[in-house]
Full PDB file with SEQRES, HELIX, SHEET, SSBOND, CRYST1, ORIGX, SCALE, CONECT and MASTER records, all heavy atoms in Angstrom:
SEQRES   1 A   37  VAL PRO SER THR ILE GLY ALA PHE GLY PRO THR SER PRO          
SEQRES   2 A   37  ARG ASN PRO THR PRO ASP LEU CYS ILE GLN ARG PRO ARG          
SEQRES   3 A   37  THR ILE TYR GLY VAL SER LYS VAL HIS ALA GLU                  
HELIX    1 AA1 ILE A    5  ALA A    7  5                                   3    
HELIX    2 AA2 ILE A   28  ALA A   36  1                                   9    
CRYST1    1.000    1.000    1.000  90.00  90.00  90.00 P 1           1          
ORIGX1      1.000000  0.000000  0.000000        0.00000                         
ORIGX2      0.000000  1.000000  0.000000        0.00000                         
ORIGX3      0.000000  0.000000  1.000000        0.00000                         
SCALE1      1.000000  0.000000  0.000000        0.00000                         
SCALE2      0.000000  1.000000  0.000000        0.00000                         
SCALE3      0.000000  0.000000  1.000000        0.00000                         
ATOM      1  N   VAL A   1     -14.049  -3.474  -4.619  1.00  0.00           N  
ATOM      2  CA  VAL A   1     -12.941  -4.322  -4.193  1.00  0.00           C  
ATOM      3  C   VAL A   1     -12.244  -3.627  -3.030  1.00  0.00           C  
ATOM      4  O   VAL A   1     -11.749  -2.509  -3.192  1.00  0.00           O  
ATOM      5  CB  VAL A   1     -11.935  -4.573  -5.334  1.00  0.00           C  
ATOM      6  CG1 VAL A   1     -10.764  -5.422  -4.841  1.00  0.00           C  
ATOM      7  CG2 VAL A   1     -12.611  -5.244  -6.516  1.00  0.00           C  
ATOM      8  N   PRO A   2     -12.197  -4.229  -1.845  1.00  0.00           N  
ATOM      9  CA  PRO A   2     -11.513  -3.581  -0.731  1.00  0.00           C  
ATOM     10  C   PRO A   2     -10.005  -3.639  -0.899  1.00  0.00           C  
ATOM     11  O   PRO A   2      -9.451  -4.617  -1.403  1.00  0.00           O  
ATOM     12  CB  PRO A   2     -11.957  -4.413   0.476  1.00  0.00           C  
ATOM     13  CG  PRO A   2     -12.200  -5.775  -0.095  1.00  0.00           C  
ATOM     14  CD  PRO A   2     -12.741  -5.542  -1.487  1.00  0.00           C  
ATOM     15  N   SER A   3      -9.345  -2.567  -0.482  1.00  0.00           N  
ATOM     16  CA  SER A   3      -7.899  -2.589  -0.351  1.00  0.00           C  
ATOM     17  C   SER A   3      -7.558  -2.469   1.134  1.00  0.00           C  
ATOM     18  O   SER A   3      -8.406  -2.729   1.989  1.00  0.00           O  
ATOM     19  CB  SER A   3      -7.239  -1.493  -1.185  1.00  0.00           C  
ATOM     20  OG  SER A   3      -5.834  -1.668  -1.221  1.00  0.00           O  
ATOM     21  N   THR A   4      -6.358  -2.043   1.480  1.00  0.00           N  
ATOM     22  CA  THR A   4      -5.877  -2.254   2.836  1.00  0.00           C  
ATOM     23  C   THR A   4      -4.705  -1.343   3.171  1.00  0.00           C  
ATOM     24  O   THR A   4      -4.025  -0.830   2.259  1.00  0.00           O  
ATOM     25  CB  THR A   4      -5.419  -3.722   2.980  1.00  0.00           C  
ATOM     26  OG1 THR A   4      -4.687  -3.900   4.193  1.00  0.00           O  
ATOM     27  CG2 THR A   4      -4.493  -4.117   1.841  1.00  0.00           C  
ATOM     28  N   ILE A   5      -4.449  -1.180   4.467  1.00  0.00           N  
ATOM     29  CA  ILE A   5      -3.218  -0.530   4.889  1.00  0.00           C  
ATOM     30  C   ILE A   5      -1.993  -1.290   4.382  1.00  0.00           C  
ATOM     31  O   ILE A   5      -0.924  -0.725   4.211  1.00  0.00           O  
ATOM     32  CB  ILE A   5      -3.140  -0.399   6.421  1.00  0.00           C  
ATOM     33  CG1 ILE A   5      -3.323  -1.747   7.120  1.00  0.00           C  
ATOM     34  CG2 ILE A   5      -4.130   0.601   6.934  1.00  0.00           C  
ATOM     35  CD1 ILE A   5      -3.132  -1.676   8.623  1.00  0.00           C  
ATOM     36  N   GLY A   6      -2.175  -2.601   4.108  1.00  0.00           N  
ATOM     37  CA  GLY A   6      -1.076  -3.421   3.620  1.00  0.00           C  
ATOM     38  C   GLY A   6      -0.649  -3.096   2.207  1.00  0.00           C  
ATOM     39  O   GLY A   6       0.337  -3.654   1.720  1.00  0.00           O  
ATOM     40  N   ALA A   7      -1.380  -2.186   1.530  1.00  0.00           N  
ATOM     41  CA  ALA A   7      -0.990  -1.788   0.182  1.00  0.00           C  
ATOM     42  C   ALA A   7       0.177  -0.805   0.193  1.00  0.00           C  
ATOM     43  O   ALA A   7       0.680  -0.437  -0.868  1.00  0.00           O  
ATOM     44  CB  ALA A   7      -2.184  -1.168  -0.540  1.00  0.00           C  
ATOM     45  N   PHE A   8       0.609  -0.400   1.379  1.00  0.00           N  
ATOM     46  CA  PHE A   8       1.749   0.493   1.509  1.00  0.00           C  
ATOM     47  C   PHE A   8       2.957  -0.286   2.019  1.00  0.00           C  
ATOM     48  O   PHE A   8       2.826  -1.419   2.506  1.00  0.00           O  
ATOM     49  CB  PHE A   8       1.420   1.660   2.434  1.00  0.00           C  
ATOM     50  CG  PHE A   8       0.300   2.513   1.919  1.00  0.00           C  
ATOM     51  CD1 PHE A   8      -1.003   2.307   2.338  1.00  0.00           C  
ATOM     52  CD2 PHE A   8       0.544   3.510   0.987  1.00  0.00           C  
ATOM     53  CE1 PHE A   8      -2.042   3.080   1.847  1.00  0.00           C  
ATOM     54  CE2 PHE A   8      -0.486   4.294   0.484  1.00  0.00           C  
ATOM     55  CZ  PHE A   8      -1.788   4.076   0.917  1.00  0.00           C  
ATOM     56  N   GLY A   9       4.123   0.315   1.923  1.00  0.00           N  
ATOM     57  CA  GLY A   9       5.351  -0.363   2.317  1.00  0.00           C  
ATOM     58  C   GLY A   9       6.260   0.544   3.125  1.00  0.00           C  
ATOM     59  O   GLY A   9       5.897   1.678   3.470  1.00  0.00           O  
ATOM     60  N   PRO A  10       7.458   0.078   3.431  1.00  0.00           N  
ATOM     61  CA  PRO A  10       8.366   0.824   4.315  1.00  0.00           C  
ATOM     62  C   PRO A  10       8.837   2.154   3.739  1.00  0.00           C  
ATOM     63  O   PRO A  10       9.306   3.017   4.497  1.00  0.00           O  
ATOM     64  CB  PRO A  10       9.534  -0.141   4.523  1.00  0.00           C  
ATOM     65  CG  PRO A  10       9.459  -1.106   3.386  1.00  0.00           C  
ATOM     66  CD  PRO A  10       8.019  -1.228   3.042  1.00  0.00           C  
ATOM     67  N   THR A  11       8.747   2.343   2.427  1.00  0.00           N  
ATOM     68  CA  THR A  11       9.151   3.615   1.834  1.00  0.00           C  
ATOM     69  C   THR A  11       7.985   4.592   1.684  1.00  0.00           C  
ATOM     70  O   THR A  11       8.178   5.718   1.211  1.00  0.00           O  
ATOM     71  CB  THR A  11       9.805   3.383   0.456  1.00  0.00           C  
ATOM     72  OG1 THR A  11       8.905   2.618  -0.365  1.00  0.00           O  
ATOM     73  CG2 THR A  11      11.114   2.613   0.602  1.00  0.00           C  
ATOM     74  N   SER A  12       6.775   4.181   2.070  1.00  0.00           N  
ATOM     75  CA  SER A  12       5.619   5.076   2.037  1.00  0.00           C  
ATOM     76  C   SER A  12       5.654   6.005   3.243  1.00  0.00           C  
ATOM     77  O   SER A  12       6.113   5.616   4.323  1.00  0.00           O  
ATOM     78  CB  SER A  12       4.313   4.264   2.070  1.00  0.00           C  
ATOM     79  OG  SER A  12       4.251   3.307   1.044  1.00  0.00           O  
ATOM     80  N   PRO A  13       5.159   7.229   3.100  1.00  0.00           N  
ATOM     81  CA  PRO A  13       4.991   8.081   4.287  1.00  0.00           C  
ATOM     82  C   PRO A  13       4.012   7.424   5.246  1.00  0.00           C  
ATOM     83  O   PRO A  13       2.955   6.954   4.829  1.00  0.00           O  
ATOM     84  CB  PRO A  13       4.447   9.387   3.717  1.00  0.00           C  
ATOM     85  CG  PRO A  13       3.902   9.037   2.370  1.00  0.00           C  
ATOM     86  CD  PRO A  13       4.692   7.880   1.867  1.00  0.00           C  
ATOM     87  N   ARG A  14       4.348   7.387   6.535  1.00  0.00           N  
ATOM     88  CA  ARG A  14       3.578   6.584   7.485  1.00  0.00           C  
ATOM     89  C   ARG A  14       2.688   7.414   8.404  1.00  0.00           C  
ATOM     90  O   ARG A  14       1.756   6.865   8.994  1.00  0.00           O  
ATOM     91  CB  ARG A  14       4.514   5.727   8.346  1.00  0.00           C  
ATOM     92  CG  ARG A  14       5.351   4.711   7.553  1.00  0.00           C  
ATOM     93  CD  ARG A  14       6.122   3.812   8.493  1.00  0.00           C  
ATOM     94  NE  ARG A  14       5.226   2.988   9.302  1.00  0.00           N  
ATOM     95  CZ  ARG A  14       5.494   2.596  10.545  1.00  0.00           C  
ATOM     96  NH1 ARG A  14       6.613   2.991  11.148  1.00  0.00           N  
ATOM     97  NH2 ARG A  14       4.631   1.844  11.194  1.00  0.00           N  
ATOM     98  N   ASN A  15       2.973   8.694   8.572  1.00  0.00           N  
ATOM     99  CA  ASN A  15       2.247   9.433   9.596  1.00  0.00           C  
ATOM    100  C   ASN A  15       2.092  10.909   9.217  1.00  0.00           C  
ATOM    101  O   ASN A  15       2.895  11.730   9.625  1.00  0.00           O  
ATOM    102  CB  ASN A  15       2.971   9.308  10.940  1.00  0.00           C  
ATOM    103  CG  ASN A  15       2.134   9.816  12.101  1.00  0.00           C  
ATOM    104  OD1 ASN A  15       0.921   9.951  11.987  1.00  0.00           O  
ATOM    105  ND2 ASN A  15       2.783  10.114  13.212  1.00  0.00           N  
ATOM    106  N   PRO A  16       1.043  11.241   8.409  1.00  0.00           N  
ATOM    107  CA  PRO A  16       0.011  10.345   7.896  1.00  0.00           C  
ATOM    108  C   PRO A  16       0.364   9.801   6.515  1.00  0.00           C  
ATOM    109  O   PRO A  16       1.307  10.278   5.874  1.00  0.00           O  
ATOM    110  CB  PRO A  16      -1.202  11.257   7.813  1.00  0.00           C  
ATOM    111  CG  PRO A  16      -0.613  12.588   7.441  1.00  0.00           C  
ATOM    112  CD  PRO A  16       0.714  12.657   8.152  1.00  0.00           C  
ATOM    113  N   THR A  17      -0.425   8.827   6.065  1.00  0.00           N  
ATOM    114  CA  THR A  17      -0.278   8.252   4.728  1.00  0.00           C  
ATOM    115  C   THR A  17      -1.393   8.797   3.834  1.00  0.00           C  
ATOM    116  O   THR A  17      -2.566   8.553   4.092  1.00  0.00           O  
ATOM    117  CB  THR A  17      -0.370   6.717   4.785  1.00  0.00           C  
ATOM    118  OG1 THR A  17       0.636   6.217   5.662  1.00  0.00           O  
ATOM    119  CG2 THR A  17      -0.192   6.115   3.406  1.00  0.00           C  
ATOM    120  N   PRO A  18      -1.045   9.550   2.781  1.00  0.00           N  
ATOM    121  CA  PRO A  18      -2.079  10.113   1.900  1.00  0.00           C  
ATOM    122  C   PRO A  18      -2.614   9.085   0.912  1.00  0.00           C  
ATOM    123  O   PRO A  18      -2.082   7.980   0.783  1.00  0.00           O  
ATOM    124  CB  PRO A  18      -1.320  11.234   1.178  1.00  0.00           C  
ATOM    125  CG  PRO A  18       0.093  10.752   1.119  1.00  0.00           C  
ATOM    126  CD  PRO A  18       0.320   9.960   2.391  1.00  0.00           C  
ATOM    127  N   ASP A  19      -3.648   9.487   0.187  1.00  0.00           N  
ATOM    128  CA  ASP A  19      -4.223   8.590  -0.820  1.00  0.00           C  
ATOM    129  C   ASP A  19      -3.215   8.249  -1.906  1.00  0.00           C  
ATOM    130  O   ASP A  19      -3.135   7.102  -2.346  1.00  0.00           O  
ATOM    131  CB  ASP A  19      -5.458   9.239  -1.466  1.00  0.00           C  
ATOM    132  CG  ASP A  19      -6.682   9.185  -0.572  1.00  0.00           C  
ATOM    133  OD1 ASP A  19      -7.051   8.075  -0.143  1.00  0.00           O  
ATOM    134  OD2 ASP A  19      -7.266  10.239  -0.304  1.00  0.00           O  
ATOM    135  N   LEU A  20      -2.485   9.241  -2.360  1.00  0.00           N  
ATOM    136  CA  LEU A  20      -1.550   9.066  -3.462  1.00  0.00           C  
ATOM    137  C   LEU A  20      -0.122   9.262  -2.966  1.00  0.00           C  
ATOM    138  O   LEU A  20       0.239  10.368  -2.538  1.00  0.00           O  
ATOM    139  CB  LEU A  20      -1.861  10.053  -4.595  1.00  0.00           C  
ATOM    140  CG  LEU A  20      -3.244   9.930  -5.231  1.00  0.00           C  
ATOM    141  CD1 LEU A  20      -3.456  11.023  -6.268  1.00  0.00           C  
ATOM    142  CD2 LEU A  20      -3.440   8.560  -5.863  1.00  0.00           C  
ATOM    143  N   CYS A  21       0.650   8.211  -3.010  1.00  0.00           N  
ATOM    144  CA  CYS A  21       2.051   8.268  -2.591  1.00  0.00           C  
ATOM    145  C   CYS A  21       2.728   6.993  -3.082  1.00  0.00           C  
ATOM    146  O   CYS A  21       2.098   6.127  -3.685  1.00  0.00           O  
ATOM    147  CB  CYS A  21       2.191   8.409  -1.074  1.00  0.00           C  
ATOM    148  SG  CYS A  21       1.583   6.992  -0.142  1.00  0.00           S  
ATOM    149  N   ILE A  22       4.011   6.863  -2.817  1.00  0.00           N  
ATOM    150  CA  ILE A  22       4.722   5.664  -3.226  1.00  0.00           C  
ATOM    151  C   ILE A  22       4.168   4.452  -2.479  1.00  0.00           C  
ATOM    152  O   ILE A  22       3.847   4.518  -1.294  1.00  0.00           O  
ATOM    153  CB  ILE A  22       6.240   5.811  -2.972  1.00  0.00           C  
ATOM    154  CG1 ILE A  22       6.998   4.633  -3.610  1.00  0.00           C  
ATOM    155  CG2 ILE A  22       6.554   5.924  -1.482  1.00  0.00           C  
ATOM    156  CD1 ILE A  22       8.496   4.837  -3.631  1.00  0.00           C  
ATOM    157  N   GLN A  23       4.007   3.341  -3.185  1.00  0.00           N  
ATOM    158  CA  GLN A  23       3.497   2.091  -2.608  1.00  0.00           C  
ATOM    159  C   GLN A  23       4.431   0.955  -3.019  1.00  0.00           C  
ATOM    160  O   GLN A  23       4.460   0.579  -4.191  1.00  0.00           O  
ATOM    161  CB  GLN A  23       2.085   1.796  -3.096  1.00  0.00           C  
ATOM    162  CG  GLN A  23       1.025   2.779  -2.605  1.00  0.00           C  
ATOM    163  CD  GLN A  23      -0.342   2.525  -3.211  1.00  0.00           C  
ATOM    164  OE1 GLN A  23      -0.761   3.217  -4.123  1.00  0.00           O  
ATOM    165  NE2 GLN A  23      -1.040   1.517  -2.698  1.00  0.00           N  
ATOM    166  N   ARG A  24       5.155   0.437  -2.071  1.00  0.00           N  
ATOM    167  CA  ARG A  24       6.044  -0.694  -2.329  1.00  0.00           C  
ATOM    168  C   ARG A  24       5.904  -1.715  -1.203  1.00  0.00           C  
ATOM    169  O   ARG A  24       6.786  -1.888  -0.378  1.00  0.00           O  
ATOM    170  CB  ARG A  24       7.504  -0.228  -2.438  1.00  0.00           C  
ATOM    171  CG  ARG A  24       7.833   0.572  -3.693  1.00  0.00           C  
ATOM    172  CD  ARG A  24       7.704  -0.289  -4.944  1.00  0.00           C  
ATOM    173  NE  ARG A  24       8.094   0.435  -6.149  1.00  0.00           N  
ATOM    174  CZ  ARG A  24       7.290   1.190  -6.873  1.00  0.00           C  
ATOM    175  NH1 ARG A  24       6.021   1.336  -6.502  1.00  0.00           N  
ATOM    176  NH2 ARG A  24       7.717   1.789  -7.959  1.00  0.00           N  
ATOM    177  N   PRO A  25       4.737  -2.403  -1.148  1.00  0.00           N  
ATOM    178  CA  PRO A  25       4.493  -3.349  -0.054  1.00  0.00           C  
ATOM    179  C   PRO A  25       5.453  -4.531  -0.114  1.00  0.00           C  
ATOM    180  O   PRO A  25       5.975  -4.881  -1.177  1.00  0.00           O  
ATOM    181  CB  PRO A  25       3.047  -3.795  -0.275  1.00  0.00           C  
ATOM    182  CG  PRO A  25       2.802  -3.553  -1.726  1.00  0.00           C  
ATOM    183  CD  PRO A  25       3.601  -2.349  -2.092  1.00  0.00           C  
ATOM    184  N   ARG A  26       5.641  -5.187   1.027  1.00  0.00           N  
ATOM    185  CA  ARG A  26       6.576  -6.300   1.143  1.00  0.00           C  
ATOM    186  C   ARG A  26       5.873  -7.629   1.397  1.00  0.00           C  
ATOM    187  O   ARG A  26       6.514  -8.594   1.794  1.00  0.00           O  
ATOM    188  CB  ARG A  26       7.567  -6.006   2.286  1.00  0.00           C  
ATOM    189  CG  ARG A  26       8.449  -4.779   2.044  1.00  0.00           C  
ATOM    190  CD  ARG A  26       9.602  -5.071   1.127  1.00  0.00           C  
ATOM    191  NE  ARG A  26      10.429  -3.893   0.871  1.00  0.00           N  
ATOM    192  CZ  ARG A  26      11.424  -3.489   1.651  1.00  0.00           C  
ATOM    193  NH1 ARG A  26      11.704  -4.149   2.760  1.00  0.00           N  
ATOM    194  NH2 ARG A  26      12.134  -2.423   1.327  1.00  0.00           N  
ATOM    195  N   THR A  27       4.567  -7.685   1.208  1.00  0.00           N  
ATOM    196  CA  THR A  27       3.827  -8.944   1.359  1.00  0.00           C  
ATOM    197  C   THR A  27       3.061  -9.225   0.070  1.00  0.00           C  
ATOM    198  O   THR A  27       2.712  -8.296  -0.679  1.00  0.00           O  
ATOM    199  CB  THR A  27       2.817  -8.888   2.524  1.00  0.00           C  
ATOM    200  OG1 THR A  27       1.780  -7.933   2.199  1.00  0.00           O  
ATOM    201  CG2 THR A  27       3.495  -8.486   3.824  1.00  0.00           C  
ATOM    202  N   ILE A  28       2.764 -10.506  -0.187  1.00  0.00           N  
ATOM    203  CA  ILE A  28       1.984 -10.851  -1.374  1.00  0.00           C  
ATOM    204  C   ILE A  28       0.576 -10.267  -1.261  1.00  0.00           C  
ATOM    205  O   ILE A  28      -0.034  -9.874  -2.276  1.00  0.00           O  
ATOM    206  CB  ILE A  28       1.940 -12.387  -1.584  1.00  0.00           C  
ATOM    207  CG1 ILE A  28       1.239 -12.730  -2.913  1.00  0.00           C  
ATOM    208  CG2 ILE A  28       1.277 -13.089  -0.421  1.00  0.00           C  
ATOM    209  CD1 ILE A  28       1.921 -12.180  -4.145  1.00  0.00           C  
ATOM    210  N   TYR A  29       0.054 -10.174  -0.053  1.00  0.00           N  
ATOM    211  CA  TYR A  29      -1.251  -9.551   0.153  1.00  0.00           C  
ATOM    212  C   TYR A  29      -1.219  -8.088  -0.277  1.00  0.00           C  
ATOM    213  O   TYR A  29      -2.077  -7.626  -1.041  1.00  0.00           O  
ATOM    214  CB  TYR A  29      -1.635  -9.670   1.629  1.00  0.00           C  
ATOM    215  CG  TYR A  29      -2.925  -9.004   2.018  1.00  0.00           C  
ATOM    216  CD1 TYR A  29      -4.117  -9.327   1.400  1.00  0.00           C  
ATOM    217  CD2 TYR A  29      -2.955  -8.056   3.045  1.00  0.00           C  
ATOM    218  CE1 TYR A  29      -5.311  -8.722   1.768  1.00  0.00           C  
ATOM    219  CE2 TYR A  29      -4.145  -7.457   3.427  1.00  0.00           C  
ATOM    220  CZ  TYR A  29      -5.319  -7.783   2.785  1.00  0.00           C  
ATOM    221  OH  TYR A  29      -6.495  -7.199   3.155  1.00  0.00           O  
ATOM    222  N   GLY A  30      -0.212  -7.348   0.183  1.00  0.00           N  
ATOM    223  CA  GLY A  30      -0.102  -5.944  -0.185  1.00  0.00           C  
ATOM    224  C   GLY A  30       0.134  -5.745  -1.667  1.00  0.00           C  
ATOM    225  O   GLY A  30      -0.472  -4.873  -2.305  1.00  0.00           O  
ATOM    226  N   VAL A  31       1.022  -6.562  -2.239  1.00  0.00           N  
ATOM    227  CA  VAL A  31       1.293  -6.473  -3.677  1.00  0.00           C  
ATOM    228  C   VAL A  31       0.021  -6.725  -4.479  1.00  0.00           C  
ATOM    229  O   VAL A  31      -0.284  -6.019  -5.452  1.00  0.00           O  
ATOM    230  CB  VAL A  31       2.403  -7.470  -4.069  1.00  0.00           C  
ATOM    231  CG1 VAL A  31       2.523  -7.581  -5.586  1.00  0.00           C  
ATOM    232  CG2 VAL A  31       3.746  -7.045  -3.467  1.00  0.00           C  
ATOM    233  N   SER A  32      -0.745  -7.724  -4.076  1.00  0.00           N  
ATOM    234  CA  SER A  32      -1.975  -8.043  -4.808  1.00  0.00           C  
ATOM    235  C   SER A  32      -3.003  -6.926  -4.683  1.00  0.00           C  
ATOM    236  O   SER A  32      -3.795  -6.695  -5.614  1.00  0.00           O  
ATOM    237  CB  SER A  32      -2.555  -9.373  -4.310  1.00  0.00           C  
ATOM    238  OG  SER A  32      -3.056  -9.270  -2.987  1.00  0.00           O  
ATOM    239  N   LYS A  33      -3.015  -6.219  -3.562  1.00  0.00           N  
ATOM    240  CA  LYS A  33      -3.975  -5.128  -3.389  1.00  0.00           C  
ATOM    241  C   LYS A  33      -3.575  -3.890  -4.193  1.00  0.00           C  
ATOM    242  O   LYS A  33      -4.439  -3.192  -4.738  1.00  0.00           O  
ATOM    243  CB  LYS A  33      -4.134  -4.795  -1.905  1.00  0.00           C  
ATOM    244  CG  LYS A  33      -4.939  -5.833  -1.140  1.00  0.00           C  
ATOM    245  CD  LYS A  33      -6.332  -6.019  -1.727  1.00  0.00           C  
ATOM    246  CE  LYS A  33      -7.190  -6.987  -0.952  1.00  0.00           C  
ATOM    247  NZ  LYS A  33      -8.536  -7.144  -1.553  1.00  0.00           N  
ATOM    248  N   VAL A  34      -2.280  -3.595  -4.280  1.00  0.00           N  
ATOM    249  CA  VAL A  34      -1.846  -2.511  -5.169  1.00  0.00           C  
ATOM    250  C   VAL A  34      -2.226  -2.859  -6.607  1.00  0.00           C  
ATOM    251  O   VAL A  34      -2.708  -2.003  -7.369  1.00  0.00           O  
ATOM    252  CB  VAL A  34      -0.328  -2.275  -5.048  1.00  0.00           C  
ATOM    253  CG1 VAL A  34       0.134  -1.247  -6.085  1.00  0.00           C  
ATOM    254  CG2 VAL A  34       0.031  -1.786  -3.650  1.00  0.00           C  
ATOM    255  N   HIS A  35      -2.018  -4.105  -6.973  1.00  0.00           N  
ATOM    256  CA  HIS A  35      -2.403  -4.585  -8.301  1.00  0.00           C  
ATOM    257  C   HIS A  35      -3.904  -4.381  -8.525  1.00  0.00           C  
ATOM    258  O   HIS A  35      -4.322  -3.922  -9.605  1.00  0.00           O  
ATOM    259  CB  HIS A  35      -2.040  -6.066  -8.419  1.00  0.00           C  
ATOM    260  CG  HIS A  35      -2.418  -6.695  -9.721  1.00  0.00           C  
ATOM    261  ND1 HIS A  35      -1.744  -6.452 -10.888  1.00  0.00           N  
ATOM    262  CD2 HIS A  35      -3.422  -7.563 -10.030  1.00  0.00           C  
ATOM    263  CE1 HIS A  35      -2.305  -7.142 -11.876  1.00  0.00           C  
ATOM    264  NE2 HIS A  35      -3.320  -7.832 -11.383  1.00  0.00           N  
ATOM    265  N   ALA A  36      -4.706  -4.698  -7.521  1.00  0.00           N  
ATOM    266  CA  ALA A  36      -6.156  -4.527  -7.643  1.00  0.00           C  
ATOM    267  C   ALA A  36      -6.533  -3.060  -7.825  1.00  0.00           C  
ATOM    268  O   ALA A  36      -7.387  -2.715  -8.665  1.00  0.00           O  
ATOM    269  CB  ALA A  36      -6.858  -5.106  -6.408  1.00  0.00           C  
ATOM    270  N   GLU A  37      -5.921  -2.175  -7.040  1.00  0.00           N  
ATOM    271  CA  GLU A  37      -6.198  -0.749  -7.174  1.00  0.00           C  
ATOM    272  C   GLU A  37      -5.892  -0.251  -8.585  1.00  0.00           C  
ATOM    273  O   GLU A  37      -6.694   0.463  -9.201  1.00  0.00           O  
ATOM    274  CB  GLU A  37      -5.362   0.042  -6.170  1.00  0.00           C  
ATOM    275  CG  GLU A  37      -5.697  -0.212  -4.716  1.00  0.00           C  
ATOM    276  CD  GLU A  37      -4.754   0.522  -3.778  1.00  0.00           C  
ATOM    277  OE1 GLU A  37      -3.996   1.406  -4.240  1.00  0.00           O  
ATOM    278  OE2 GLU A  37      -4.768   0.201  -2.572  1.00  0.00           O  
TER     279      GLU A  37                                                      
MASTER        0    0    0    2    0    0    0    6  278    1    0    3          
END                                                                             
């Protein structure tokens, strides 16, 4: 199942973004991908 850069949100570290960190996306696409992960 592919996920996406959209699985991260404004409170995630952005530069760089590690595999494991806070994920609070602001789109239904991102939310659904965090759910999938």
